[in-house]
Amino acid sequence: MKKPILTTLLIFVMTWSYAQQTSLTTNPKISSRDHLVLKSKNFSDAGWTCMVGGTALTVISLAVFTHDNTIISPILIVMGISSMFTSIPLLVQSLRLNHKAKLMLANEKTASGIPGLSNKTITGLAIRIPLGKFSLSH
């Protein structure tokens, strides 16, 4: 009796909870370029995690397989190699999003005379020259 109730409760919790934002409009403070940079970072993190985890899993299972011939070692080797292959599209997508964000920055409109890839802060010197007792109100 506990199993069906627990299963039903878990299904309801999974359908009512949201793990990700549904659109970019839910956070209007993030620009599309910043959104692309954030997505690129997330894809890169996931790709490197899959790559390092798959490599570690393969190396450990190869070390265990040489000492003990069990059925689990070849399964772990296949899982590690598939995890490494899974990381390739994630890293490629991260690179594409990063290039797209850089292209958006290069095409961004700036004030006249400021290059597109500058950091938008230009140091300058202001000079005030008094011209006498000139007033616009008279």
C-alpha atoms as a PDB file:
ATOM      1  CA  MET A   1       0.000   0.000   0.000  1.00  0.00           C
ATOM      2  CA  LYS A   2       2.891   2.341   0.698  1.00  0.00           C
ATOM      3  CA  LYS A   3       4.469   1.823  -2.713  1.00  0.00           C
ATOM      4  CA  PRO A   4       1.538   3.099  -4.864  1.00  0.00           C
ATOM      5  CA  ILE A   5       1.005   6.105  -2.594  1.00  0.00           C
ATOM      6  CA  LEU A   6       4.683   7.007  -2.642  1.00  0.00           C
ATOM      7  CA  THR A   7       4.873   6.551  -6.434  1.00  0.00           C
ATOM      8  CA  THR A   8       1.816   8.754  -6.975  1.00  0.00           C
ATOM      9  CA  LEU A   9       3.205  11.411  -4.646  1.00  0.00           C
ATOM     10  CA  LEU A  10       6.575  11.429  -6.447  1.00  0.00           C
ATOM     11  CA  ILE A  11       4.879  11.728  -9.857  1.00  0.00           C
ATOM     12  CA  PHE A  12       2.887  14.747  -8.664  1.00  0.00           C
ATOM     13  CA  VAL A  13       5.989  16.398  -7.212  1.00  0.00           C
ATOM     14  CA  MET A  14       7.922  15.841 -10.445  1.00  0.00           C
ATOM     15  CA  THR A  15       5.172  17.296 -12.642  1.00  0.00           C
ATOM     16  CA  TRP A  16       4.583  20.372 -10.475  1.00  0.00           C
ATOM     17  CA  SER A  17       8.191  21.361  -9.913  1.00  0.00           C
ATOM     18  CA  TYR A  18      10.140  23.358 -12.476  1.00  0.00           C
ATOM     19  CA  ALA A  19      13.875  22.908 -12.658  1.00  0.00           C
ATOM     20  CA  GLN A  20      14.651  25.448 -15.360  1.00  0.00           C
ATOM     21  CA  GLN A  21      13.394  28.764 -16.611  1.00  0.00           C
ATOM     22  CA  THR A  22      10.954  28.376 -19.464  1.00  0.00           C
ATOM     23  CA  SER A  23      12.051  31.449 -21.405  1.00  0.00           C
ATOM     24  CA  LEU A  24      14.440  34.370 -21.423  1.00  0.00           C
ATOM     25  CA  THR A  25      11.619  36.820 -20.705  1.00  0.00           C
ATOM     26  CA  THR A  26      11.300  35.588 -17.121  1.00  0.00           C
ATOM     27  CA  ASN A  27      14.495  37.480 -16.245  1.00  0.00           C
ATOM     28  CA  PRO A  28      14.481  40.759 -18.197  1.00  0.00           C
ATOM     29  CA  LYS A  29      17.740  41.974 -16.619  1.00  0.00           C
ATOM     30  CA  ILE A  30      19.820  39.489 -18.638  1.00  0.00           C
ATOM     31  CA  SER A  31      20.662  40.604 -22.170  1.00  0.00           C
ATOM     32  CA  SER A  32      20.740  38.109 -25.007  1.00  0.00           C
ATOM     33  CA  ARG A  33      24.554  38.290 -25.158  1.00  0.00           C
ATOM     34  CA  ASP A  34      24.877  37.578 -21.454  1.00  0.00           C
ATOM     35  CA  HIS A  35      22.364  34.773 -21.852  1.00  0.00           C
ATOM     36  CA  LEU A  36      24.523  33.213 -24.579  1.00  0.00           C
ATOM     37  CA  VAL A  37      27.649  33.530 -22.440  1.00  0.00           C
ATOM     38  CA  LEU A  38      25.852  31.853 -19.533  1.00  0.00           C
ATOM     39  CA  LYS A  39      24.611  29.030 -21.754  1.00  0.00           C
ATOM     40  CA  SER A  40      28.110  28.598 -23.184  1.00  0.00           C
ATOM     41  CA  LYS A  41      29.557  28.315 -19.687  1.00  0.00           C
ATOM     42  CA  ASN A  42      26.911  25.775 -18.674  1.00  0.00           C
ATOM     43  CA  PHE A  43      27.512  23.643 -21.789  1.00  0.00           C
ATOM     44  CA  SER A  44      31.251  23.828 -21.215  1.00  0.00           C
ATOM     45  CA  ASP A  45      30.900  22.751 -17.583  1.00  0.00           C
ATOM     46  CA  ALA A  46      28.665  19.831 -18.555  1.00  0.00           C
ATOM     47  CA  GLY A  47      30.994  18.789 -21.375  1.00  0.00           C
ATOM     48  CA  TRP A  48      34.115  18.814 -19.238  1.00  0.00           C
ATOM     49  CA  THR A  49      32.298  16.979 -16.446  1.00  0.00           C
ATOM     50  CA  CYS A  50      31.285  14.214 -18.873  1.00  0.00           C
ATOM     51  CA  MET A  51      34.794  14.053 -20.322  1.00  0.00           C
ATOM     52  CA  VAL A  52      36.612  13.860 -16.971  1.00  0.00           C
ATOM     53  CA  GLY A  53      34.024  11.509 -15.452  1.00  0.00           C
ATOM     54  CA  GLY A  54      34.116   9.192 -18.460  1.00  0.00           C
ATOM     55  CA  THR A  55      37.896   9.125 -18.477  1.00  0.00           C
ATOM     56  CA  ALA A  56      38.055   8.378 -14.756  1.00  0.00           C
ATOM     57  CA  LEU A  57      35.413   5.669 -15.065  1.00  0.00           C
ATOM     58  CA  THR A  58      37.248   4.028 -17.959  1.00  0.00           C
ATOM     59  CA  VAL A  59      40.660   4.123 -16.267  1.00  0.00           C
ATOM     60  CA  ILE A  60      39.331   2.759 -12.973  1.00  0.00           C
ATOM     61  CA  SER A  61      37.353  -0.014 -14.642  1.00  0.00           C
ATOM     62  CA  LEU A  62      40.392  -0.984 -16.760  1.00  0.00           C
ATOM     63  CA  ALA A  63      42.495  -1.193 -13.598  1.00  0.00           C
ATOM     64  CA  VAL A  64      39.866  -3.374 -11.916  1.00  0.00           C
ATOM     65  CA  PHE A  65      39.426  -5.517 -15.033  1.00  0.00           C
ATOM     66  CA  THR A  66      43.124  -6.444 -15.146  1.00  0.00           C
ATOM     67  CA  HIS A  67      43.012  -7.740 -11.555  1.00  0.00           C
ATOM     68  CA  ASP A  68      39.525  -9.220 -11.420  1.00  0.00           C
ATOM     69  CA  ASN A  69      37.582 -10.603 -14.388  1.00  0.00           C
ATOM     70  CA  THR A  70      34.036  -9.589 -13.460  1.00  0.00           C
ATOM     71  CA  ILE A  71      31.089  -8.796 -15.698  1.00  0.00           C
ATOM     72  CA  ILE A  72      30.770  -5.255 -14.329  1.00  0.00           C
ATOM     73  CA  SER A  73      34.134  -4.006 -15.611  1.00  0.00           C
ATOM     74  CA  PRO A  74      33.304  -4.168 -19.354  1.00  0.00           C
ATOM     75  CA  ILE A  75      29.984  -2.467 -18.654  1.00  0.00           C
ATOM     76  CA  LEU A  76      31.756   0.361 -16.834  1.00  0.00           C
ATOM     77  CA  ILE A  77      34.287   0.656 -19.663  1.00  0.00           C
ATOM     78  CA  VAL A  78      31.463   1.072 -22.197  1.00  0.00           C
ATOM     79  CA  MET A  79      29.731   3.617 -19.934  1.00  0.00           C
ATOM     80  CA  GLY A  80      32.950   5.612 -19.563  1.00  0.00           C
ATOM     81  CA  ILE A  81      33.635   5.664 -23.295  1.00  0.00           C
ATOM     82  CA  SER A  82      30.039   6.647 -24.057  1.00  0.00           C
ATOM     83  CA  SER A  83      30.301   9.455 -21.505  1.00  0.00           C
ATOM     84  CA  MET A  84      33.425  10.726 -23.262  1.00  0.00           C
ATOM     85  CA  PHE A  85      31.625  10.629 -26.624  1.00  0.00           C
ATOM     86  CA  THR A  86      28.665  12.438 -25.062  1.00  0.00           C
ATOM     87  CA  SER A  87      30.904  15.312 -24.025  1.00  0.00           C
ATOM     88  CA  ILE A  88      31.900  16.123 -27.628  1.00  0.00           C
ATOM     89  CA  PRO A  89      28.563  17.700 -28.735  1.00  0.00           C
ATOM     90  CA  LEU A  90      28.353  19.624 -25.465  1.00  0.00           C
ATOM     91  CA  LEU A  91      31.809  21.138 -25.940  1.00  0.00           C
ATOM     92  CA  VAL A  92      31.098  21.940 -29.608  1.00  0.00           C
ATOM     93  CA  GLN A  93      27.838  23.686 -28.676  1.00  0.00           C
ATOM     94  CA  SER A  94      29.676  25.648 -25.981  1.00  0.00           C
ATOM     95  CA  LEU A  95      32.195  26.851 -28.564  1.00  0.00           C
ATOM     96  CA  ARG A  96      29.418  27.849 -30.995  1.00  0.00           C
ATOM     97  CA  LEU A  97      27.558  29.827 -28.348  1.00  0.00           C
ATOM     98  CA  ASN A  98      30.774  31.549 -27.297  1.00  0.00           C
ATOM     99  CA  HIS A  99      31.519  32.585 -30.894  1.00  0.00           C
ATOM    100  CA  LYS A 100      27.936  33.796 -31.303  1.00  0.00           C
ATOM    101  CA  ALA A 101      28.227  35.933 -28.158  1.00  0.00           C
ATOM    102  CA  LYS A 102      31.514  37.434 -29.377  1.00  0.00           C
ATOM    103  CA  LEU A 103      29.899  38.215 -32.741  1.00  0.00           C
ATOM    104  CA  MET A 104      27.014  39.956 -30.977  1.00  0.00           C
ATOM    105  CA  LEU A 105      29.548  42.041 -29.039  1.00  0.00           C
ATOM    106  CA  ALA A 106      31.421  42.989 -32.214  1.00  0.00           C
ATOM    107  CA  ASN A 107      28.195  44.087 -33.946  1.00  0.00           C
ATOM    108  CA  GLU A 108      26.945  46.052 -30.936  1.00  0.00           C
ATOM    109  CA  LYS A 109      26.312  49.738 -31.552  1.00  0.00           C
ATOM    110  CA  THR A 110      28.422  52.112 -29.519  1.00  0.00           C
ATOM    111  CA  ALA A 111      28.864  55.845 -29.374  1.00  0.00           C
ATOM    112  CA  SER A 112      30.539  57.443 -32.339  1.00  0.00           C
ATOM    113  CA  GLY A 113      34.279  57.126 -32.275  1.00  0.00           C
ATOM    114  CA  ILE A 114      34.366  54.228 -29.807  1.00  0.00           C
ATOM    115  CA  PRO A 115      35.483  50.898 -31.283  1.00  0.00           C
ATOM    116  CA  GLY A 116      33.002  48.030 -30.961  1.00  0.00           C
ATOM    117  CA  LEU A 117      35.245  45.760 -28.885  1.00  0.00           C
ATOM    118  CA  SER A 118      36.386  48.393 -26.381  1.00  0.00           C
ATOM    119  CA  ASN A 119      35.458  48.255 -22.727  1.00  0.00           C
ATOM    120  CA  LYS A 120      33.228  51.335 -23.119  1.00  0.00           C
ATOM    121  CA  THR A 121      35.113  53.416 -20.565  1.00  0.00           C
ATOM    122  CA  ILE A 122      37.220  56.158 -22.043  1.00  0.00           C
ATOM    123  CA  THR A 123      39.305  58.352 -19.797  1.00  0.00           C
ATOM    124  CA  GLY A 124      39.263  61.957 -20.714  1.00  0.00           C
ATOM    125  CA  LEU A 125      40.185  65.423 -19.546  1.00  0.00           C
ATOM    126  CA  ALA A 126      37.645  68.193 -19.173  1.00  0.00           C
ATOM    127  CA  ILE A 127      38.734  71.823 -19.351  1.00  0.00           C
ATOM    128  CA  ARG A 128      36.526  74.659 -18.164  1.00  0.00           C
ATOM    129  CA  ILE A 129      37.357  78.036 -19.604  1.00  0.00           C
ATOM    130  CA  PRO A 130      35.552  80.950 -17.990  1.00  0.00           C
ATOM    131  CA  LEU A 131      34.415  83.428 -20.634  1.00  0.00           C
ATOM    132  CA  GLY A 132      33.583  86.282 -18.333  1.00  0.00           C
ATOM    133  CA  LYS A 133      30.206  87.372 -17.046  1.00  0.00           C
ATOM    134  CA  PHE A 134      28.158  85.810 -19.816  1.00  0.00           C
ATOM    135  CA  SER A 135      24.710  84.663 -18.850  1.00  0.00           C
ATOM    136  CA  LEU A 136      21.933  83.189 -20.957  1.00  0.00           C
ATOM    137  CA  SER A 137      19.137  84.423 -18.693  1.00  0.00           C
ATOM    138  CA  HIS A 138      19.577  88.140 -19.672  1.00  0.00           C
END
